[in-house]
Amino acid sequence: MQLEAWCAWNDQPWEKFRSVVGRSFRMRAPAQSVYTFAANAVWRLIRDYDIDPSQVGLLALGTESSTDNSAGAVIVKGMVNEALAAAGLPQLARDCEVPEFKQACLGGVYGVKAALRYLATDGRGRQAIVVCADIAEYARGGSAEPTQGAGAVAMLLESDARLLEVDLAAAGSDSDYRVADFRKPFARFRNQPARDDGQVQDLPMFNGHCSTSCYIGAIHHAMTAMLEKRPGRSLDYFHDIDAVFMHRPYHQMPTTGWVMAYLFALAHDDDGHDQLRALAADAGVDADLLLEELLAPSPFHGNGADLAENTGDVFPLARKVRNQLRKTPLWDTLVEDKLRLGSEAMRDLGNLYTALPFRPGSPLACSRH
């Protein structure tokens, strides 16, 4: 679905949507489901990289779009085995574990972490495949409609890394319960229209402004947990790192989260206050009020906001500073250069929830440190 055409149909400004959201989004065909997406991605991974299926000891599915409450990745395993048999290849091992990780946007990450733990313990010497597959559908005419998407990404993990090594001991995480944010209770199906192809219409319940603020807050706390495990100053990390990959519901969301994490780091480091005050002055913002905003406790602990509540922007002063930062050379080195990989591909894919694809043919950059 081309967003330029969507903007014309809905009388929306194309230049704004191209800058903030992207160029297009993908939708599933009538016969497709989250399981067919996942199975095709796994089959192509095995075929294109000459993987021995009998060596795969764990096949994990990360998703928030699954429709079976009993079976998880075993459905994907069955489809893949049929394709392997048709191609005259060995099937996935009978002792291959098949867990599903259901968590909005994080299912794939949790799947990767579980696979790495498996490979470090009872699965050492084996291989693991993690497939992230989702269908992000929103109501026609709703505010989130242009941020739809659909697709899957499959990844091979091994005990001895050959391309990219993941250090779980240095990782950070965050979780906090909020009623509104983004939810998919089963009760939502009662009032949703039937699809022409008979498939389930998977429309979520959400509070857009609250979700954006929750995204920012989660990144801040997860990075704080990670940076506390690192030696040296936290501020140095933002400059030393070579590439950053973040969940990308729409084009501008990860840049917002990354820059906010940097502003939080400036606020929590006494040596960063002078730079923060300079940025505040350039943006016409009171520096003391900005510090108060950035150092305040999370506004979304506990129940948070109601689905119908207009929460507004929780960080209005920081938003002005972000906009001012875009006009400086620092934006290129701190944001554009580090978040570049994969960003153009996502402009044409839309929101894939758990999946984070790289642009085909692009190099995979890692931190020097």
Protein backbone atom coordinates (compact mmCIF):
# COMPACT_ATOMS: atom_id res chain seq x y z
CA MET A 1 0.00 0.00 0.00
CA GLN A 2 1.63 3.23 -1.17
CA LEU A 3 1.30 5.93 1.49
CA GLU A 4 1.24 8.71 -1.08
CA ALA A 5 -1.96 7.23 -2.50
CA TRP A 6 -3.31 6.66 1.02
CA CYS A 7 -2.71 10.33 1.84
CA ALA A 8 -4.59 11.40 -1.31
CA TRP A 9 -7.57 9.19 -0.42
CA ASN A 10 -7.65 10.45 3.17
CA ASP A 11 -6.79 14.12 2.51
CA GLN A 12 -3.58 13.90 4.57
CA PRO A 13 -0.26 15.75 3.98
CA TRP A 14 2.05 13.41 2.05
CA GLU A 15 5.27 15.27 2.95
CA LYS A 16 4.53 14.92 6.66
CA PHE A 17 3.69 11.22 6.42
CA ARG A 18 6.76 10.52 4.26
CA SER A 19 8.98 12.15 6.88
CA VAL A 20 7.34 10.68 9.98
CA VAL A 21 5.91 7.31 8.89
CA GLY A 22 7.53 6.10 5.66
CA ARG A 23 6.65 5.38 2.02
CA SER A 24 4.45 2.27 2.13
CA PHE A 25 3.32 -0.67 4.20
CA ARG A 26 2.73 -4.38 3.53
CA MET A 27 -0.48 -6.34 4.09
CA ARG A 28 -1.11 -10.09 4.09
CA ALA A 29 -2.75 -11.78 1.14
CA PRO A 30 -6.05 -13.62 1.75
CA ALA A 31 -4.41 -17.05 2.15
CA GLN A 32 -1.55 -15.85 4.37
CA SER A 33 -1.22 -16.01 8.14
CA VAL A 34 1.46 -15.42 10.74
CA TYR A 35 2.31 -19.13 10.46
CA THR A 36 2.79 -19.11 6.68
CA PHE A 37 4.96 -15.98 7.03
CA ALA A 38 7.12 -17.70 9.66
CA ALA A 39 7.37 -21.01 7.79
CA ASN A 40 8.46 -19.34 4.55
CA ALA A 41 11.13 -17.31 6.37
CA VAL A 42 12.52 -20.44 8.09
CA TRP A 43 12.42 -22.49 4.87
CA ARG A 44 14.32 -19.81 2.96
CA LEU A 45 16.90 -19.52 5.76
CA ILE A 46 17.57 -23.27 5.68
CA ARG A 47 17.62 -23.41 1.89
CA ASP A 48 19.71 -20.31 1.18
CA TYR A 49 22.36 -20.96 3.85
CA ASP A 50 22.60 -24.75 3.45
CA ILE A 51 21.64 -25.47 7.07
CA ASP A 52 21.41 -29.07 8.24
CA PRO A 53 17.86 -29.27 9.73
CA SER A 54 18.82 -32.22 11.94
CA GLN A 55 21.25 -29.95 13.84
CA VAL A 56 18.55 -27.43 14.80
CA GLY A 57 17.66 -28.13 18.44
CA LEU A 58 15.37 -25.15 19.03
CA LEU A 59 12.89 -23.39 16.77
CA ALA A 60 11.41 -20.36 18.55
CA LEU A 61 8.53 -18.22 17.29
CA GLY A 62 8.35 -14.62 18.49
CA THR A 63 4.99 -13.03 17.71
CA GLU A 64 1.98 -11.17 19.03
CA SER A 65 -0.24 -12.31 16.14
CA SER A 66 -0.57 -16.06 16.73
CA THR A 67 -4.10 -17.43 16.69
CA ASP A 68 -3.71 -20.87 18.30
CA ASN A 69 -3.80 -21.00 22.10
CA SER A 70 -2.43 -24.53 22.31
CA ALA A 71 0.31 -24.93 19.73
CA GLY A 72 3.16 -22.52 19.08
CA ALA A 73 6.17 -22.91 16.82
CA VAL A 74 5.33 -26.58 16.27
CA ILE A 75 2.88 -25.38 13.59
CA VAL A 76 5.78 -23.67 11.82
CA LYS A 77 7.91 -26.80 12.26
CA GLY A 78 5.24 -28.90 10.58
CA MET A 79 5.02 -26.60 7.56
CA VAL A 80 8.81 -26.44 7.22
CA ASN A 81 9.15 -30.22 7.45
CA GLU A 82 6.63 -30.61 4.62
CA ALA A 83 8.72 -28.25 2.47
CA LEU A 84 11.94 -30.07 3.40
CA ALA A 85 10.41 -33.46 2.53
CA ALA A 86 9.18 -32.13 -0.81
CA ALA A 87 12.74 -30.94 -1.56
CA GLY A 88 14.24 -34.30 -0.57
CA LEU A 89 16.04 -32.84 2.45
CA PRO A 90 16.28 -34.08 6.06
CA GLN A 91 13.60 -32.78 8.38
CA LEU A 92 13.98 -30.75 11.56
CA ALA A 93 15.04 -32.97 14.44
CA ARG A 94 12.34 -34.74 16.45
CA ASP A 95 13.89 -33.43 19.69
CA CYS A 96 13.80 -29.84 18.39
CA GLU A 97 12.14 -27.63 21.01
CA VAL A 98 9.33 -25.38 19.69
CA PRO A 99 8.47 -22.56 22.13
CA GLU A 100 6.43 -19.47 21.29
CA PHE A 101 7.22 -16.08 22.83
CA LYS A 102 4.24 -13.77 22.84
CA GLN A 103 5.00 -10.21 23.87
CA ALA A 104 4.19 -7.04 21.96
CA CYS A 105 7.28 -5.99 20.01
CA LEU A 106 9.63 -7.97 22.27
CA GLY A 107 8.66 -11.54 21.37
CA GLY A 108 11.54 -11.89 18.92
CA VAL A 109 14.09 -10.45 21.36
CA TYR A 110 12.95 -12.79 24.10
CA GLY A 111 13.18 -15.66 21.61
CA VAL A 112 16.78 -14.73 20.77
CA LYS A 113 17.75 -14.51 24.44
CA ALA A 114 16.17 -17.91 25.15
CA ALA A 115 17.95 -19.45 22.16
CA LEU A 116 21.31 -18.10 23.31
CA ARG A 117 20.73 -19.51 26.79
CA TYR A 118 19.82 -22.88 25.24
CA LEU A 119 23.00 -22.88 23.14
CA ALA A 120 25.10 -22.04 26.21
CA THR A 121 23.71 -24.97 28.23
CA ASP A 122 22.05 -28.19 27.08
CA GLY A 123 22.07 -27.16 23.42
CA ARG A 124 25.78 -26.48 23.08
CA GLY A 125 27.04 -27.76 19.74
CA ARG A 126 23.57 -27.54 18.20
CA GLN A 127 21.94 -24.69 16.28
CA ALA A 128 18.81 -22.63 16.97
CA ILE A 129 16.46 -20.73 14.70
CA VAL A 130 14.41 -17.79 15.92
CA VAL A 131 11.68 -16.54 13.60
CA CYS A 132 9.84 -13.28 14.25
CA ALA A 133 6.51 -13.00 12.43
CA ASP A 134 3.63 -10.58 12.82
CA ILE A 135 0.65 -8.96 11.16
CA ALA A 136 0.11 -5.38 12.29
CA GLU A 137 -3.45 -4.49 11.32
CA TYR A 138 -5.37 -1.37 12.31
CA ALA A 139 -8.91 -0.17 11.70
CA ARG A 140 -9.58 1.58 8.43
CA GLY A 141 -9.73 5.31 9.04
CA GLY A 142 -8.01 5.07 12.43
CA SER A 143 -4.98 7.10 13.47
CA ALA A 144 -2.66 4.07 13.26
CA GLU A 145 -3.81 2.81 9.84
CA PRO A 146 -0.75 4.17 7.95
CA THR A 147 1.60 2.36 10.38
CA GLN A 148 0.43 -1.14 9.43
CA GLY A 149 2.72 -3.91 8.23
CA ALA A 150 3.21 -7.65 7.86
CA GLY A 151 6.15 -10.00 7.46
CA ALA A 152 8.68 -12.32 9.07
CA VAL A 153 12.43 -12.58 9.70
CA ALA A 154 14.28 -15.80 10.57
CA MET A 155 17.71 -15.89 12.24
CA LEU A 156 20.24 -18.68 12.78
CA LEU A 157 22.06 -18.80 16.14
CA GLU A 158 25.08 -20.94 17.03
CA SER A 159 27.26 -21.47 20.10
CA ASP A 160 30.33 -20.16 18.27
CA ALA A 161 29.42 -16.90 16.57
CA ARG A 162 30.74 -16.28 13.05
CA LEU A 163 29.05 -12.96 12.23
CA LEU A 164 27.75 -11.23 15.34
CA GLU A 165 28.33 -12.09 18.99
CA VAL A 166 25.71 -11.27 21.62
CA ASP A 167 26.83 -10.60 25.20
CA LEU A 168 23.77 -11.26 27.36
CA ALA A 169 25.72 -10.48 30.53
CA ALA A 170 25.97 -6.85 29.37
CA ALA A 171 22.32 -6.52 28.34
CA GLY A 172 19.60 -4.43 29.97
CA SER A 173 15.84 -4.88 30.15
CA ASP A 174 12.68 -3.15 31.31
CA SER A 175 9.06 -4.07 31.99
CA ASP A 176 6.21 -2.15 33.59
CA TYR A 177 2.49 -2.94 33.56
CA ARG A 178 0.25 -0.30 32.01
CA VAL A 179 -3.44 -0.89 31.37
CA ALA A 180 -3.77 1.25 28.26
CA ASP A 181 -0.64 1.44 26.11
CA PHE A 182 -1.27 -1.38 23.59
CA ARG A 183 -3.50 -4.38 24.28
CA LYS A 184 -5.19 -7.27 22.48
CA PRO A 185 -7.73 -8.82 24.89
CA PHE A 186 -9.90 -11.54 23.35
CA ALA A 187 -13.00 -9.46 24.07
CA ARG A 188 -11.99 -7.14 21.25
CA PHE A 189 -13.14 -9.69 18.67
CA ARG A 190 -16.79 -9.18 19.64
CA ASN A 191 -17.12 -5.83 17.90
CA GLN A 192 -14.74 -6.29 14.97
CA PRO A 193 -15.98 -6.71 11.40
CA ALA A 194 -15.57 -10.03 9.63
CA ARG A 195 -12.93 -10.17 6.90
CA ASP A 196 -13.99 -11.02 3.38
CA ASP A 197 -11.59 -14.00 3.39
CA GLY A 198 -12.97 -15.38 6.66
CA GLN A 199 -9.74 -14.86 8.64
CA VAL A 200 -9.62 -13.29 12.07
CA GLN A 201 -9.57 -9.49 12.08
CA ASP A 202 -6.75 -8.74 14.54
CA LEU A 203 -7.31 -5.11 15.53
CA PRO A 204 -5.72 -3.95 18.81
CA MET A 205 -6.90 -1.52 21.47
CA PHE A 206 -4.41 1.27 22.13
CA ASN A 207 -3.76 4.79 23.33
CA GLY A 208 -1.37 6.33 20.81
CA HIS A 209 0.03 9.19 22.89
CA CYS A 210 0.45 6.91 25.89
CA SER A 211 2.20 4.25 23.77
CA THR A 212 4.74 6.76 22.48
CA SER A 213 5.59 7.88 26.00
CA CYS A 214 5.76 4.26 27.18
CA TYR A 215 8.19 3.50 24.31
CA ILE A 216 10.43 6.36 25.42
CA GLY A 217 10.25 5.34 29.07
CA ALA A 218 11.02 1.69 28.35
CA ILE A 219 14.09 2.57 26.27
CA HIS A 220 15.33 4.89 29.00
CA HIS A 221 15.07 2.27 31.76
CA ALA A 222 16.39 -0.62 29.64
CA MET A 223 19.43 1.42 28.58
CA THR A 224 20.00 2.58 32.15
CA ALA A 225 20.06 -1.06 33.27
CA MET A 226 22.52 -1.88 30.48
CA LEU A 227 24.80 1.12 31.00
CA GLU A 228 25.08 0.42 34.72
CA LYS A 229 26.91 -2.80 33.78
CA ARG A 230 29.44 -0.99 31.61
CA PRO A 231 32.67 0.63 32.82
CA GLY A 232 33.23 4.31 32.20
CA ARG A 233 30.79 7.15 31.63
CA SER A 234 27.36 6.34 30.24
CA LEU A 235 27.48 9.38 27.97
CA ASP A 236 30.51 7.99 26.13
CA TYR A 237 28.48 4.98 24.98
CA PHE A 238 26.25 7.12 22.75
CA HIS A 239 29.29 8.33 20.80
CA ASP A 240 31.40 5.14 20.87
CA ILE A 241 28.75 2.77 19.51
CA ASP A 242 28.89 2.21 15.74
CA ALA A 243 25.32 1.15 14.93
CA VAL A 244 21.97 1.06 16.70
CA PHE A 245 19.03 -1.22 15.82
CA MET A 246 15.68 -0.46 17.44
CA HIS A 247 12.07 -1.52 17.16
CA ARG A 248 10.61 0.67 14.39
CA PRO A 249 6.79 0.95 14.44
CA TYR A 250 7.18 3.89 12.06
CA HIS A 251 10.14 5.78 10.67
CA GLN A 252 10.63 8.47 13.33
CA MET A 253 9.90 6.40 16.43
CA PRO A 254 13.41 4.93 16.97
CA THR A 255 15.12 8.28 16.47
CA THR A 256 12.81 9.75 19.10
CA GLY A 257 13.61 6.96 21.55
CA TRP A 258 17.37 7.09 20.93
CA VAL A 259 17.62 10.89 21.28
CA MET A 260 15.47 10.82 24.42
CA ALA A 261 17.80 8.20 25.91
CA TYR A 262 20.68 10.59 25.20
CA LEU A 263 18.85 13.51 26.86
CA PHE A 264 18.07 11.33 29.89
CA ALA A 265 21.78 10.44 30.11
CA LEU A 266 22.73 14.11 29.97
CA ALA A 267 20.27 14.88 32.76
CA HIS A 268 21.55 12.07 35.00
CA ASP A 269 25.23 12.98 34.53
CA ASP A 270 26.39 16.17 36.26
CA ASP A 271 29.00 16.63 33.55
CA GLY A 272 26.23 16.64 30.95
CA HIS A 273 24.24 19.50 32.44
CA ASP A 274 26.20 22.22 30.65
CA GLN A 275 25.48 20.64 27.26
CA LEU A 276 21.83 20.12 28.19
CA ARG A 277 21.53 23.77 29.23
CA ALA A 278 23.09 24.86 25.96
CA LEU A 279 20.60 22.75 24.00
CA ALA A 280 17.76 24.17 26.10
CA ALA A 281 18.89 27.73 25.42
CA ASP A 282 19.03 27.11 21.65
CA ALA A 283 15.52 25.63 21.77
CA GLY A 284 14.14 28.48 23.88
CA VAL A 285 13.40 26.17 26.80
CA ASP A 286 13.92 26.78 30.51
CA ALA A 287 16.83 24.49 31.42
CA ASP A 288 15.72 23.95 35.03
CA LEU A 289 12.24 22.90 33.92
CA LEU A 290 13.78 20.61 31.31
CA LEU A 291 15.95 18.93 33.96
CA GLU A 292 12.90 18.54 36.19
CA GLU A 293 10.99 16.90 33.32
CA LEU A 294 13.80 14.46 32.52
CA LEU A 295 14.56 13.55 36.15
CA ALA A 296 10.94 13.08 37.24
CA PRO A 297 9.74 9.54 38.12
CA SER A 298 8.02 7.62 35.33
CA PRO A 299 4.45 8.91 34.88
CA PHE A 300 3.23 5.46 33.78
CA HIS A 301 3.86 3.24 36.81
CA GLY A 302 0.93 1.06 37.83
CA ASN A 303 -2.34 1.53 35.99
CA GLY A 304 -1.17 4.38 33.77
CA ALA A 305 -3.71 6.02 31.48
CA ASP A 306 -7.17 5.02 30.34
CA LEU A 307 -7.65 3.88 26.74
CA ALA A 308 -9.88 6.87 26.02
CA GLU A 309 -7.76 9.40 27.91
CA ASN A 310 -5.90 12.03 25.90
CA THR A 311 -2.57 11.90 27.70
CA GLY A 312 -0.75 14.40 25.49
CA ASP A 313 3.04 14.61 25.35
CA VAL A 314 4.68 13.62 28.64
CA PHE A 315 7.99 15.20 27.58
CA PRO A 316 6.96 18.48 25.85
CA LEU A 317 10.15 20.41 26.66
CA ALA A 318 12.37 17.54 25.55
CA ARG A 319 10.42 17.41 22.28
CA LYS A 320 11.40 21.04 21.58
CA VAL A 321 15.03 20.21 22.33
CA ARG A 322 14.87 17.18 19.98
CA ASN A 323 13.54 19.39 17.20
CA GLN A 324 16.35 21.87 17.78
CA LEU A 325 18.93 19.08 17.83
CA ARG A 326 17.85 18.08 14.31
CA LYS A 327 19.30 21.36 13.04
CA THR A 328 22.79 20.69 14.45
CA PRO A 329 25.73 18.61 13.14
CA LEU A 330 25.40 16.45 16.27
CA TRP A 331 22.18 14.97 14.84
CA ASP A 332 24.08 13.43 11.92
CA THR A 333 26.75 11.76 14.05
CA LEU A 334 24.56 10.83 17.01
CA VAL A 335 21.41 9.74 15.16
CA GLU A 336 21.51 9.47 11.37
CA ASP A 337 24.83 7.64 11.07
CA LYS A 338 24.05 5.16 13.87
CA LEU A 339 20.44 4.30 12.96
CA ARG A 340 21.00 4.21 9.20
CA LEU A 341 21.18 0.43 8.62
CA GLY A 342 17.76 -0.98 7.80
CA SER A 343 15.95 2.35 8.06
CA GLU A 344 15.30 2.74 4.32
CA ALA A 345 13.93 -0.81 4.01
CA MET A 346 11.51 -0.15 6.86
CA ARG A 347 10.09 2.87 5.03
CA ASP A 348 8.58 0.38 2.57
CA LEU A 349 7.65 -2.46 4.94
CA GLY A 350 5.67 -0.80 7.68
CA ASN A 351 5.40 -2.05 11.26
CA LEU A 352 6.44 -5.69 11.71
CA TYR A 353 6.02 -5.70 15.52
CA THR A 354 8.59 -8.31 16.64
CA ALA A 355 10.63 -8.41 13.41
CA LEU A 356 13.67 -6.21 12.72
CA PRO A 357 14.82 -6.81 9.13
CA PHE A 358 18.08 -5.64 7.61
CA ARG A 359 18.17 -4.25 4.11
CA PRO A 360 19.13 -7.07 1.73
CA GLY A 361 22.83 -6.91 0.91
CA SER A 362 23.69 -4.42 3.65
CA PRO A 363 26.67 -5.07 5.93
CA LEU A 364 26.01 -5.85 9.58
CA ALA A 365 27.87 -3.34 11.73
CA CYS A 366 28.87 -4.03 15.32
CA SER A 367 30.28 -1.89 18.08
CA ARG A 368 34.05 -1.54 18.28
CA HIS A 369 33.67 -2.18 22.00
